[in-house]
Amino acid sequence: MSEVLYVVASPRAERSSSIAMAQVFLEAYGAKNAGTQINQVDIFKERLAVFDGPALENKYAILHGQNPTAEQRAAWAPVVDLIEEFKHADKYVFAVPMWNFGIPYRLKQYFDVLVQPTYTFSFSPAEGYKGLVTGKPVFIAYARGGIYGDDASFDFQKRYMELILKFIGFTDIRSLVLEGTLMRSKEELETEKKKVLAQARKMGEEF
């Protein structure tokens, strides 16, 4: 039985376009893959690990080959728990809205906790940086209030997601973008949503 980790990065629930896209994708995937376990992480409801003080010092102890203190190890334990939860999955789905041209701050916190040396990436003079989360596909549903088309100068949403996921080892990154959720007329938005949701359904069947 495969396990899918579904990371919800929008607090808007049923009003969220990115969540609507991800859910259609997951429904289609589940219909084709009976017995799939979907574990949802809602980062606006989860108590994410705090990554400061002793936890940060524990990271630098690892980087410099030193032994962390008992206080640092205790602060580090929730970081390891989140990483292990993430790495345990076979496949991944993200619902990601654009906030101020980038990703929501809670999703950035999630990645700041997740991306750690020896856990999700390694470094050596011979190989440089090497991602350690490999051989697993990911689907990302993006929603944006504006319409940017091919103008990447405004896009720190999809660009960041692809950069950070590739850094920790992902190579099979699939995505779908719904633009203009705040700029289109009601009729235009409904037409665009129907088209995008149909694409999400097809992509879910093929995931």
N, C-alpha and C. Protein backbone atom coordinates (compact mmCIF):
# COMPACT_ATOMS: atom_id res chain seq x y z
N MET A 1 0.84 -1.20 0.00
CA MET A 1 0.00 0.00 0.00
C MET A 1 0.88 1.25 0.00
N SER A 2 0.62 2.14 -0.95
CA SER A 2 1.41 3.36 -1.03
C SER A 2 0.87 4.42 -0.08
N GLU A 3 1.74 5.30 0.33
CA GLU A 3 1.38 6.37 1.25
C GLU A 3 1.65 7.72 0.60
N VAL A 4 0.62 8.57 0.57
CA VAL A 4 0.74 9.91 0.00
C VAL A 4 0.71 10.93 1.13
N LEU A 5 1.68 11.83 1.15
CA LEU A 5 1.67 12.93 2.11
C LEU A 5 1.08 14.16 1.40
N TYR A 6 -0.02 14.65 1.94
CA TYR A 6 -0.72 15.79 1.35
C TYR A 6 -0.50 17.00 2.24
N VAL A 7 0.28 17.96 1.76
CA VAL A 7 0.63 19.15 2.53
C VAL A 7 -0.27 20.31 2.10
N VAL A 8 -1.12 20.75 3.00
CA VAL A 8 -2.05 21.85 2.73
C VAL A 8 -1.42 23.15 3.23
N ALA A 9 -1.16 24.07 2.31
CA ALA A 9 -0.47 25.30 2.67
C ALA A 9 -1.36 26.53 2.55
N SER A 10 -2.68 26.32 2.56
CA SER A 10 -3.63 27.44 2.52
C SER A 10 -4.56 27.34 3.72
N PRO A 11 -4.84 28.47 4.39
CA PRO A 11 -5.78 28.46 5.51
C PRO A 11 -7.22 28.72 5.08
N ARG A 12 -7.50 28.78 3.78
CA ARG A 12 -8.81 29.21 3.30
C ARG A 12 -9.81 28.06 3.12
N ALA A 13 -9.41 26.84 3.43
CA ALA A 13 -10.31 25.68 3.41
C ALA A 13 -11.07 25.59 2.10
N GLU A 14 -12.43 25.55 2.17
CA GLU A 14 -13.24 25.33 0.97
C GLU A 14 -13.19 26.50 0.00
N ARG A 15 -12.65 27.65 0.42
CA ARG A 15 -12.53 28.80 -0.47
C ARG A 15 -11.22 28.80 -1.25
N SER A 16 -10.37 27.83 -0.96
CA SER A 16 -9.04 27.79 -1.57
C SER A 16 -9.05 27.09 -2.92
N SER A 17 -8.55 27.76 -3.93
CA SER A 17 -8.46 27.15 -5.26
C SER A 17 -7.37 26.08 -5.31
N SER A 18 -6.26 26.31 -4.62
CA SER A 18 -5.19 25.31 -4.64
C SER A 18 -5.64 24.02 -3.96
N ILE A 19 -6.41 24.14 -2.87
CA ILE A 19 -6.94 22.95 -2.20
C ILE A 19 -7.94 22.22 -3.10
N ALA A 20 -8.80 22.98 -3.78
CA ALA A 20 -9.77 22.36 -4.69
C ALA A 20 -9.06 21.54 -5.77
N MET A 21 -7.99 22.09 -6.32
CA MET A 21 -7.23 21.39 -7.35
C MET A 21 -6.58 20.12 -6.78
N ALA A 22 -5.97 20.25 -5.61
CA ALA A 22 -5.30 19.10 -5.00
C ALA A 22 -6.29 18.00 -4.64
N GLN A 23 -7.46 18.38 -4.17
CA GLN A 23 -8.44 17.37 -3.78
C GLN A 23 -8.99 16.61 -4.98
N VAL A 24 -9.23 17.31 -6.08
CA VAL A 24 -9.67 16.63 -7.30
C VAL A 24 -8.58 15.66 -7.77
N PHE A 25 -7.34 16.11 -7.72
CA PHE A 25 -6.20 15.27 -8.07
C PHE A 25 -6.16 14.01 -7.21
N LEU A 26 -6.31 14.19 -5.89
CA LEU A 26 -6.23 13.06 -4.96
C LEU A 26 -7.42 12.10 -5.13
N GLU A 27 -8.59 12.65 -5.39
CA GLU A 27 -9.76 11.80 -5.61
C GLU A 27 -9.56 10.91 -6.84
N ALA A 28 -9.02 11.50 -7.89
CA ALA A 28 -8.75 10.73 -9.11
C ALA A 28 -7.66 9.69 -8.87
N TYR A 29 -6.65 10.09 -8.13
CA TYR A 29 -5.57 9.14 -7.81
C TYR A 29 -6.09 7.99 -6.96
N GLY A 30 -6.89 8.31 -5.93
CA GLY A 30 -7.42 7.28 -5.05
C GLY A 30 -8.33 6.31 -5.77
N ALA A 31 -9.11 6.81 -6.73
CA ALA A 31 -10.01 5.95 -7.50
C ALA A 31 -9.24 4.93 -8.34
N LYS A 32 -8.05 5.31 -8.76
CA LYS A 32 -7.21 4.42 -9.57
C LYS A 32 -6.28 3.55 -8.72
N ASN A 33 -6.13 3.89 -7.45
CA ASN A 33 -5.17 3.20 -6.58
C ASN A 33 -5.84 2.87 -5.25
N ALA A 34 -6.67 1.85 -5.27
CA ALA A 34 -7.41 1.45 -4.07
C ALA A 34 -6.45 1.08 -2.95
N GLY A 35 -6.81 1.48 -1.74
CA GLY A 35 -5.99 1.16 -0.58
C GLY A 35 -4.91 2.18 -0.28
N THR A 36 -4.81 3.20 -1.11
CA THR A 36 -3.81 4.25 -0.86
C THR A 36 -4.10 4.96 0.46
N GLN A 37 -3.07 5.18 1.24
CA GLN A 37 -3.21 5.93 2.49
C GLN A 37 -2.79 7.37 2.25
N ILE A 38 -3.69 8.30 2.53
CA ILE A 38 -3.38 9.72 2.36
C ILE A 38 -3.27 10.37 3.74
N ASN A 39 -2.10 10.85 4.06
CA ASN A 39 -1.86 11.53 5.34
C ASN A 39 -1.78 13.03 5.08
N GLN A 40 -2.68 13.77 5.69
CA GLN A 40 -2.75 15.21 5.45
C GLN A 40 -2.03 15.98 6.56
N VAL A 41 -1.23 16.95 6.13
CA VAL A 41 -0.57 17.87 7.05
C VAL A 41 -1.05 19.28 6.70
N ASP A 42 -1.85 19.85 7.56
CA ASP A 42 -2.33 21.23 7.38
C ASP A 42 -1.40 22.13 8.17
N ILE A 43 -0.52 22.84 7.47
CA ILE A 43 0.52 23.57 8.17
C ILE A 43 0.02 24.80 8.93
N PHE A 44 -1.23 25.20 8.69
CA PHE A 44 -1.79 26.29 9.48
C PHE A 44 -2.50 25.78 10.73
N LYS A 45 -2.61 24.46 10.85
CA LYS A 45 -3.21 23.86 12.05
C LYS A 45 -2.18 23.07 12.85
N GLU A 46 -1.19 22.53 12.16
CA GLU A 46 -0.15 21.76 12.83
C GLU A 46 0.73 22.66 13.70
N ARG A 47 1.21 22.08 14.78
CA ARG A 47 2.18 22.80 15.61
C ARG A 47 3.58 22.47 15.07
N LEU A 48 4.06 23.29 14.17
CA LEU A 48 5.35 23.04 13.56
C LEU A 48 6.48 23.23 14.57
N ALA A 49 7.54 22.48 14.37
CA ALA A 49 8.71 22.61 15.24
C ALA A 49 9.25 24.04 15.19
N VAL A 50 9.63 24.54 16.34
CA VAL A 50 10.25 25.87 16.42
C VAL A 50 11.74 25.71 16.11
N PHE A 51 12.19 26.45 15.12
CA PHE A 51 13.58 26.28 14.69
C PHE A 51 14.39 27.52 15.04
N ASP A 52 14.75 27.61 16.31
CA ASP A 52 15.59 28.71 16.78
C ASP A 52 16.37 28.23 18.00
N GLY A 53 17.23 29.10 18.52
CA GLY A 53 17.96 28.79 19.74
C GLY A 53 18.63 27.42 19.74
N PRO A 54 18.28 26.56 20.70
CA PRO A 54 18.95 25.25 20.83
C PRO A 54 18.83 24.37 19.59
N ALA A 55 17.67 24.40 18.92
CA ALA A 55 17.51 23.59 17.71
C ALA A 55 18.48 24.04 16.62
N LEU A 56 18.62 25.34 16.46
CA LEU A 56 19.55 25.86 15.47
C LEU A 56 20.99 25.50 15.82
N GLU A 57 21.32 25.58 17.10
CA GLU A 57 22.68 25.22 17.53
C GLU A 57 22.95 23.73 17.31
N ASN A 58 21.90 22.91 17.45
CA ASN A 58 22.07 21.48 17.19
C ASN A 58 22.43 21.26 15.72
N LYS A 59 21.79 22.02 14.83
CA LYS A 59 22.11 21.91 13.40
C LYS A 59 23.58 22.24 13.15
N TYR A 60 24.07 23.30 13.76
CA TYR A 60 25.46 23.69 13.55
C TYR A 60 26.43 22.70 14.19
N ALA A 61 26.01 22.05 15.27
CA ALA A 61 26.83 21.00 15.86
C ALA A 61 26.98 19.84 14.87
N ILE A 62 25.88 19.50 14.20
CA ILE A 62 25.94 18.44 13.19
C ILE A 62 26.87 18.86 12.04
N LEU A 63 26.70 20.10 11.58
CA LEU A 63 27.51 20.58 10.46
C LEU A 63 29.00 20.54 10.77
N HIS A 64 29.36 20.81 12.02
CA HIS A 64 30.77 20.88 12.41
C HIS A 64 31.28 19.62 13.08
N GLY A 65 30.48 18.55 13.04
CA GLY A 65 30.92 17.27 13.59
C GLY A 65 31.07 17.27 15.10
N GLN A 66 30.31 18.11 15.78
CA GLN A 66 30.39 18.21 17.24
C GLN A 66 29.22 17.47 17.89
N ASN A 67 29.34 17.22 19.19
CA ASN A 67 28.26 16.58 19.94
C ASN A 67 27.34 17.64 20.53
N PRO A 68 26.05 17.63 20.19
CA PRO A 68 25.12 18.61 20.76
C PRO A 68 24.87 18.35 22.23
N THR A 69 24.45 19.39 22.93
CA THR A 69 24.13 19.27 24.36
C THR A 69 22.77 18.60 24.53
N ALA A 70 22.45 18.23 25.75
CA ALA A 70 21.16 17.60 26.04
C ALA A 70 20.02 18.55 25.69
N GLU A 71 20.19 19.84 25.99
CA GLU A 71 19.16 20.83 25.67
C GLU A 71 18.96 20.94 24.16
N GLN A 72 20.06 20.92 23.44
CA GLN A 72 19.98 21.01 21.98
C GLN A 72 19.31 19.77 21.39
N ARG A 73 19.63 18.60 21.93
CA ARG A 73 19.02 17.36 21.43
C ARG A 73 17.52 17.35 21.69
N ALA A 74 17.10 17.85 22.84
CA ALA A 74 15.67 17.90 23.16
C ALA A 74 14.93 18.82 22.20
N ALA A 75 15.54 19.96 21.88
CA ALA A 75 14.92 20.90 20.94
C ALA A 75 14.92 20.34 19.52
N TRP A 76 15.86 19.45 19.23
CA TRP A 76 16.00 18.89 17.90
C TRP A 76 15.01 17.75 17.63
N ALA A 77 14.52 17.11 18.67
CA ALA A 77 13.64 15.94 18.51
C ALA A 77 12.41 16.23 17.64
N PRO A 78 11.69 17.37 17.83
CA PRO A 78 10.54 17.64 16.96
C PRO A 78 10.94 17.84 15.49
N VAL A 79 12.15 18.32 15.26
CA VAL A 79 12.65 18.49 13.89
C VAL A 79 12.79 17.12 13.23
N VAL A 80 13.38 16.19 13.95
CA VAL A 80 13.55 14.83 13.43
C VAL A 80 12.20 14.17 13.19
N ASP A 81 11.24 14.39 14.09
CA ASP A 81 9.91 13.81 13.91
C ASP A 81 9.26 14.28 12.61
N LEU A 82 9.36 15.60 12.33
CA LEU A 82 8.78 16.13 11.10
C LEU A 82 9.48 15.56 9.87
N ILE A 83 10.80 15.46 9.93
CA ILE A 83 11.56 14.93 8.81
C ILE A 83 11.19 13.48 8.54
N GLU A 84 11.09 12.69 9.60
CA GLU A 84 10.76 11.27 9.43
C GLU A 84 9.35 11.10 8.88
N GLU A 85 8.42 11.92 9.33
CA GLU A 85 7.06 11.89 8.79
C GLU A 85 7.09 12.18 7.30
N PHE A 86 7.86 13.16 6.91
CA PHE A 86 7.95 13.54 5.50
C PHE A 86 8.58 12.43 4.67
N LYS A 87 9.71 11.91 5.12
CA LYS A 87 10.45 10.93 4.33
C LYS A 87 9.75 9.58 4.25
N HIS A 88 8.83 9.32 5.15
CA HIS A 88 8.15 8.03 5.18
C HIS A 88 7.20 7.85 3.99
N ALA A 89 6.75 8.95 3.40
CA ALA A 89 5.78 8.88 2.31
C ALA A 89 6.41 8.34 1.03
N ASP A 90 5.53 7.81 0.18
CA ASP A 90 5.97 7.32 -1.14
C ASP A 90 5.76 8.37 -2.23
N LYS A 91 4.72 9.20 -2.04
CA LYS A 91 4.38 10.24 -3.00
C LYS A 91 3.91 11.48 -2.23
N TYR A 92 3.93 12.63 -2.93
CA TYR A 92 3.62 13.89 -2.25
C TYR A 92 2.69 14.75 -3.08
N VAL A 93 1.80 15.45 -2.39
CA VAL A 93 0.91 16.43 -3.02
C VAL A 93 0.93 17.69 -2.17
N PHE A 94 1.10 18.85 -2.82
CA PHE A 94 1.09 20.14 -2.13
C PHE A 94 -0.02 21.02 -2.71
N ALA A 95 -0.72 21.74 -1.85
CA ALA A 95 -1.66 22.78 -2.27
C ALA A 95 -1.05 24.11 -1.84
N VAL A 96 -0.64 24.94 -2.82
CA VAL A 96 0.17 26.12 -2.50
C VAL A 96 -0.40 27.38 -3.15
N PRO A 97 -0.91 28.31 -2.37
CA PRO A 97 -1.32 29.61 -2.92
C PRO A 97 -0.11 30.54 -3.03
N MET A 98 -0.24 31.56 -3.85
CA MET A 98 0.80 32.59 -3.93
C MET A 98 0.48 33.70 -2.95
N TRP A 99 1.44 34.02 -2.10
CA TRP A 99 1.31 35.15 -1.17
C TRP A 99 2.46 36.12 -1.44
N ASN A 100 2.14 37.33 -1.83
CA ASN A 100 3.17 38.35 -2.09
C ASN A 100 4.26 37.81 -3.01
N PHE A 101 3.83 37.15 -4.08
CA PHE A 101 4.69 36.60 -5.12
C PHE A 101 5.46 35.36 -4.70
N GLY A 102 5.31 34.93 -3.45
CA GLY A 102 6.02 33.75 -2.96
C GLY A 102 5.06 32.75 -2.34
N ILE A 103 5.58 31.98 -1.37
CA ILE A 103 4.78 30.97 -0.71
C ILE A 103 4.37 31.47 0.68
N PRO A 104 3.32 30.92 1.28
CA PRO A 104 2.93 31.33 2.64
C PRO A 104 4.04 31.11 3.65
N TYR A 105 4.11 31.98 4.63
CA TYR A 105 5.21 31.94 5.61
C TYR A 105 5.25 30.62 6.38
N ARG A 106 4.10 29.99 6.61
CA ARG A 106 4.09 28.72 7.34
C ARG A 106 4.69 27.60 6.49
N LEU A 107 4.53 27.66 5.19
CA LEU A 107 5.16 26.67 4.33
C LEU A 107 6.67 26.87 4.30
N LYS A 108 7.09 28.12 4.32
CA LYS A 108 8.54 28.40 4.40
C LYS A 108 9.11 27.85 5.71
N GLN A 109 8.38 28.00 6.81
CA GLN A 109 8.82 27.43 8.09
C GLN A 109 8.92 25.91 7.99
N TYR A 110 7.95 25.31 7.34
CA TYR A 110 7.96 23.85 7.16
C TYR A 110 9.24 23.40 6.46
N PHE A 111 9.61 24.09 5.39
CA PHE A 111 10.83 23.72 4.67
C PHE A 111 12.08 24.06 5.47
N ASP A 112 12.05 25.15 6.23
CA ASP A 112 13.22 25.50 7.04
C ASP A 112 13.50 24.43 8.09
N VAL A 113 12.45 23.79 8.58
CA VAL A 113 12.61 22.68 9.53
C VAL A 113 13.03 21.41 8.79
N LEU A 114 12.45 21.18 7.64
CA LEU A 114 12.64 19.94 6.90
C LEU A 114 14.02 19.80 6.26
N VAL A 115 14.54 20.88 5.74
CA VAL A 115 15.80 20.81 4.97
C VAL A 115 16.99 20.89 5.92
N GLN A 116 17.52 19.72 6.27
CA GLN A 116 18.60 19.62 7.26
C GLN A 116 19.71 18.70 6.76
N PRO A 117 20.97 19.05 7.07
CA PRO A 117 22.10 18.22 6.65
C PRO A 117 22.04 16.84 7.29
N THR A 118 22.42 15.84 6.52
CA THR A 118 22.46 14.41 6.85
C THR A 118 21.07 13.77 6.89
N TYR A 119 20.01 14.57 6.87
CA TYR A 119 18.65 14.04 6.89
C TYR A 119 17.99 14.12 5.52
N THR A 120 17.99 15.30 4.92
CA THR A 120 17.37 15.45 3.61
C THR A 120 18.37 15.90 2.52
N PHE A 121 19.57 16.26 2.94
CA PHE A 121 20.64 16.52 1.96
C PHE A 121 21.98 16.27 2.62
N SER A 122 22.99 16.07 1.79
CA SER A 122 24.35 15.90 2.29
C SER A 122 25.29 16.80 1.50
N PHE A 123 26.50 16.95 2.01
CA PHE A 123 27.51 17.73 1.29
C PHE A 123 28.87 17.08 1.47
N SER A 124 29.60 17.01 0.37
CA SER A 124 30.99 16.56 0.42
C SER A 124 31.76 17.33 -0.64
N PRO A 125 33.06 17.56 -0.42
CA PRO A 125 33.85 18.27 -1.43
C PRO A 125 33.82 17.56 -2.79
N ALA A 126 33.72 16.25 -2.76
CA ALA A 126 33.74 15.49 -4.01
C ALA A 126 32.42 15.60 -4.77
N GLU A 127 31.29 15.51 -4.04
CA GLU A 127 29.98 15.49 -4.70
C GLU A 127 29.23 16.81 -4.61
N GLY A 128 29.67 17.69 -3.72
CA GLY A 128 28.91 18.90 -3.48
C GLY A 128 27.62 18.57 -2.73
N TYR A 129 26.56 19.33 -2.98
CA TYR A 129 25.28 19.06 -2.33
C TYR A 129 24.58 17.90 -3.03
N LYS A 130 23.97 17.04 -2.22
CA LYS A 130 23.28 15.87 -2.75
C LYS A 130 21.97 15.66 -2.00
N GLY A 131 20.85 15.65 -2.73
CA GLY A 131 19.56 15.41 -2.11
C GLY A 131 19.41 13.96 -1.68
N LEU A 132 18.74 13.75 -0.56
CA LEU A 132 18.60 12.41 0.00
C LEU A 132 17.17 11.86 -0.05
N VAL A 133 16.23 12.69 -0.54
CA VAL A 133 14.85 12.22 -0.70
C VAL A 133 14.65 11.96 -2.19
N THR A 134 14.86 10.72 -2.61
CA THR A 134 14.93 10.42 -4.04
C THR A 134 13.91 9.36 -4.46
N GLY A 135 13.66 9.33 -5.75
CA GLY A 135 12.81 8.30 -6.33
C GLY A 135 11.33 8.43 -6.01
N LYS A 136 10.88 9.64 -5.65
CA LYS A 136 9.49 9.84 -5.26
C LYS A 136 8.89 11.01 -6.05
N PRO A 137 7.69 10.81 -6.61
CA PRO A 137 7.07 11.89 -7.37
C PRO A 137 6.32 12.87 -6.48
N VAL A 138 6.16 14.09 -6.96
CA VAL A 138 5.41 15.11 -6.23
C VAL A 138 4.53 15.88 -7.21
N PHE A 139 3.32 16.19 -6.76
CA PHE A 139 2.41 17.04 -7.53
C PHE A 139 2.13 18.30 -6.71
N ILE A 140 2.18 19.47 -7.38
CA ILE A 140 1.93 20.73 -6.69
C ILE A 140 0.83 21.49 -7.40
N ALA A 141 -0.22 21.84 -6.65
CA ALA A 141 -1.31 22.66 -7.18
C ALA A 141 -1.06 24.10 -6.74
N TYR A 142 -0.85 24.99 -7.71
CA TYR A 142 -0.58 26.39 -7.43
C TYR A 142 -1.80 27.25 -7.78
N ALA A 143 -2.13 28.21 -6.93
CA ALA A 143 -3.16 29.19 -7.25
C ALA A 143 -2.58 30.59 -7.07
N ARG A 144 -3.00 31.51 -7.96
CA ARG A 144 -2.48 32.89 -7.93
C ARG A 144 -3.61 33.87 -8.20
N GLY A 145 -3.62 34.95 -7.46
CA GLY A 145 -4.61 35.98 -7.71
C GLY A 145 -4.37 36.74 -9.00
N GLY A 146 -3.08 36.94 -9.34
CA GLY A 146 -2.71 37.67 -10.55
C GLY A 146 -2.53 36.76 -11.74
N ILE A 147 -2.26 37.38 -12.87
CA ILE A 147 -1.99 36.64 -14.11
C ILE A 147 -0.60 37.06 -14.60
N TYR A 148 0.34 36.14 -14.59
CA TYR A 148 1.72 36.46 -14.90
C TYR A 148 2.23 35.77 -16.16
N GLY A 149 1.53 34.73 -16.60
CA GLY A 149 1.93 34.04 -17.82
C GLY A 149 3.36 33.53 -17.73
N ASP A 150 4.16 33.87 -18.72
CA ASP A 150 5.55 33.41 -18.77
C ASP A 150 6.52 34.38 -18.11
N ASP A 151 6.02 35.43 -17.48
CA ASP A 151 6.89 36.42 -16.83
C ASP A 151 7.34 35.88 -15.47
N ALA A 152 8.52 35.29 -15.44
CA ALA A 152 9.02 34.65 -14.23
C ALA A 152 9.51 35.66 -13.18
N SER A 153 9.60 36.92 -13.55
CA SER A 153 10.14 37.91 -12.60
C SER A 153 9.24 38.07 -11.37
N PHE A 154 7.96 37.72 -11.47
CA PHE A 154 7.05 37.82 -10.34
C PHE A 154 6.89 36.49 -9.59
N ASP A 155 7.48 35.45 -10.11
CA ASP A 155 7.21 34.11 -9.59
C ASP A 155 8.29 33.64 -8.61
N PHE A 156 8.03 33.83 -7.32
CA PHE A 156 8.87 33.24 -6.28
C PHE A 156 8.09 32.14 -5.55
N GLN A 157 7.04 31.68 -6.19
CA GLN A 157 6.18 30.61 -5.68
C GLN A 157 6.63 29.28 -6.30
N LYS A 158 6.34 29.09 -7.57
CA LYS A 158 6.73 27.86 -8.25
C LYS A 158 8.24 27.70 -8.33
N ARG A 159 8.93 28.81 -8.56
CA ARG A 159 10.40 28.75 -8.66
C ARG A 159 11.01 28.27 -7.36
N TYR A 160 10.50 28.79 -6.23
CA TYR A 160 11.06 28.38 -4.94
C TYR A 160 10.75 26.91 -4.67
N MET A 161 9.50 26.50 -4.90
CA MET A 161 9.11 25.12 -4.63
C MET A 161 9.98 24.15 -5.42
N GLU A 162 10.20 24.44 -6.68
CA GLU A 162 11.00 23.54 -7.51
C GLU A 162 12.46 23.54 -7.07
N LEU A 163 12.98 24.70 -6.69
CA LEU A 163 14.37 24.77 -6.25
C LEU A 163 14.58 23.96 -4.97
N ILE A 164 13.72 24.16 -3.98
CA ILE A 164 13.94 23.51 -2.68
C ILE A 164 13.69 22.01 -2.78
N LEU A 165 12.70 21.60 -3.58
CA LEU A 165 12.45 20.17 -3.72
C LEU A 165 13.56 19.48 -4.51
N LYS A 166 14.07 20.13 -5.55
CA LYS A 166 15.20 19.55 -6.28
C LYS A 166 16.43 19.46 -5.39
N PHE A 167 16.61 20.45 -4.51
CA PHE A 167 17.77 20.47 -3.62
C PHE A 167 17.79 19.24 -2.72
N ILE A 168 16.61 18.78 -2.27
CA ILE A 168 16.59 17.63 -1.37
C ILE A 168 16.37 16.31 -2.13
N GLY A 169 16.39 16.35 -3.46
CA GLY A 169 16.45 15.11 -4.21
C GLY A 169 15.34 14.82 -5.19
N PHE A 170 14.28 15.62 -5.22
CA PHE A 170 13.16 15.34 -6.12
C PHE A 170 13.53 15.65 -7.57
N THR A 171 13.17 14.75 -8.45
CA THR A 171 13.37 14.97 -9.88
C THR A 171 12.05 14.89 -10.65
N ASP A 172 11.08 14.15 -10.12
CA ASP A 172 9.77 14.01 -10.77
C ASP A 172 8.80 14.99 -10.11
N ILE A 173 8.78 16.22 -10.63
CA ILE A 173 7.96 17.29 -10.06
C ILE A 173 6.89 17.68 -11.08
N ARG A 174 5.63 17.45 -10.73
CA ARG A 174 4.51 17.74 -11.63
C ARG A 174 3.70 18.89 -11.02
N SER A 175 3.22 19.77 -11.87
CA SER A 175 2.53 20.94 -11.33
C SER A 175 1.41 21.41 -12.23
N LEU A 176 0.50 22.16 -11.61
CA LEU A 176 -0.63 22.75 -12.31
C LEU A 176 -0.89 24.11 -11.70
N VAL A 177 -1.10 25.12 -12.55
CA VAL A 177 -1.23 26.50 -12.08
C VAL A 177 -2.58 27.07 -12.48
N LEU A 178 -3.29 27.65 -11.51
CA LEU A 178 -4.50 28.42 -11.79
C LEU A 178 -4.19 29.88 -11.49
N GLU A 179 -4.25 30.73 -12.51
CA GLU A 179 -3.96 32.15 -12.34
C GLU A 179 -5.24 32.99 -12.41
N GLY A 180 -5.12 34.21 -11.91
CA GLY A 180 -6.19 35.18 -12.07
C GLY A 180 -7.40 34.97 -11.19
N THR A 181 -7.23 34.34 -10.03
CA THR A 181 -8.38 34.10 -9.16
C THR A 181 -8.97 35.40 -8.60
N LEU A 182 -8.20 36.47 -8.61
CA LEU A 182 -8.69 37.77 -8.14
C LEU A 182 -8.90 38.77 -9.26
N MET A 183 -8.55 38.39 -10.49
CA MET A 183 -8.58 39.36 -11.59
C MET A 183 -9.61 39.02 -12.67
N ARG A 184 -10.01 37.79 -12.77
CA ARG A 184 -10.96 37.40 -13.80
C ARG A 184 -12.40 37.69 -13.36
N SER A 185 -13.26 37.84 -14.32
CA SER A 185 -14.69 37.95 -14.00
C SER A 185 -15.16 36.61 -13.46
N LYS A 186 -16.31 36.60 -12.80
CA LYS A 186 -16.84 35.36 -12.23
C LYS A 186 -17.00 34.29 -13.30
N GLU A 187 -17.50 34.67 -14.46
CA GLU A 187 -17.72 33.73 -15.55
C GLU A 187 -16.40 33.20 -16.10
N GLU A 188 -15.44 34.11 -16.29
CA GLU A 188 -14.13 33.71 -16.80
C GLU A 188 -13.43 32.77 -15.83
N LEU A 189 -13.53 33.08 -14.53
CA LEU A 189 -12.86 32.26 -13.53
C LEU A 189 -13.48 30.87 -13.47
N GLU A 190 -14.79 30.78 -13.54
CA GLU A 190 -15.45 29.47 -13.53
C GLU A 190 -15.02 28.63 -14.73
N THR A 191 -14.91 29.26 -15.89
CA THR A 191 -14.47 28.54 -17.09
C THR A 191 -13.04 28.04 -16.93
N GLU A 192 -12.18 28.91 -16.41
CA GLU A 192 -10.77 28.53 -16.21
C GLU A 192 -10.65 27.43 -15.17
N LYS A 193 -11.43 27.53 -14.09
CA LYS A 193 -11.39 26.52 -13.03
C LYS A 193 -11.80 25.15 -13.57
N LYS A 194 -12.86 25.12 -14.35
CA LYS A 194 -13.31 23.84 -14.92
C LYS A 194 -12.21 23.20 -15.75
N LYS A 195 -11.53 24.01 -16.54
CA LYS A 195 -10.45 23.50 -17.38
C LYS A 195 -9.30 22.96 -16.53
N VAL A 196 -8.91 23.71 -15.50
CA VAL A 196 -7.80 23.32 -14.65
C VAL A 196 -8.16 22.09 -13.81
N LEU A 197 -9.38 22.02 -13.30
CA LEU A 197 -9.80 20.86 -12.51
C LEU A 197 -9.85 19.60 -13.36
N ALA A 198 -10.22 19.74 -14.62
CA ALA A 198 -10.20 18.59 -15.53
C ALA A 198 -8.76 18.10 -15.72
N GLN A 199 -7.82 19.04 -15.82
CA GLN A 199 -6.42 18.68 -15.94
C GLN A 199 -5.93 18.00 -14.66
N ALA A 200 -6.35 18.52 -13.50
CA ALA A 200 -5.97 17.93 -12.22
C ALA A 200 -6.46 16.49 -12.13
N ARG A 201 -7.68 16.25 -12.57
CA ARG A 201 -8.25 14.90 -12.54
C ARG A 201 -7.44 13.94 -13.41
N LYS A 202 -7.10 14.39 -14.61
CA LYS A 202 -6.31 13.54 -15.52
C LYS A 202 -4.93 13.26 -14.94
N MET A 203 -4.30 14.29 -14.36
CA MET A 203 -2.96 14.12 -13.78
C MET A 203 -3.01 13.17 -12.58
N GLY A 204 -4.09 13.25 -11.80
CA GLY A 204 -4.24 12.34 -10.67
C GLY A 204 -4.35 10.88 -11.11
N GLU A 205 -5.06 10.65 -12.19
CA GLU A 205 -5.20 9.29 -12.71
C GLU A 205 -3.86 8.72 -13.19
N GLU A 206 -2.95 9.61 -13.57
CA GLU A 206 -1.67 9.18 -14.12
C GLU A 206 -0.53 9.24 -13.11
N PHE A 207 -0.80 9.65 -11.90
CA PHE A 207 0.25 9.86 -10.88
C PHE A 207 0.83 8.53 -10.41
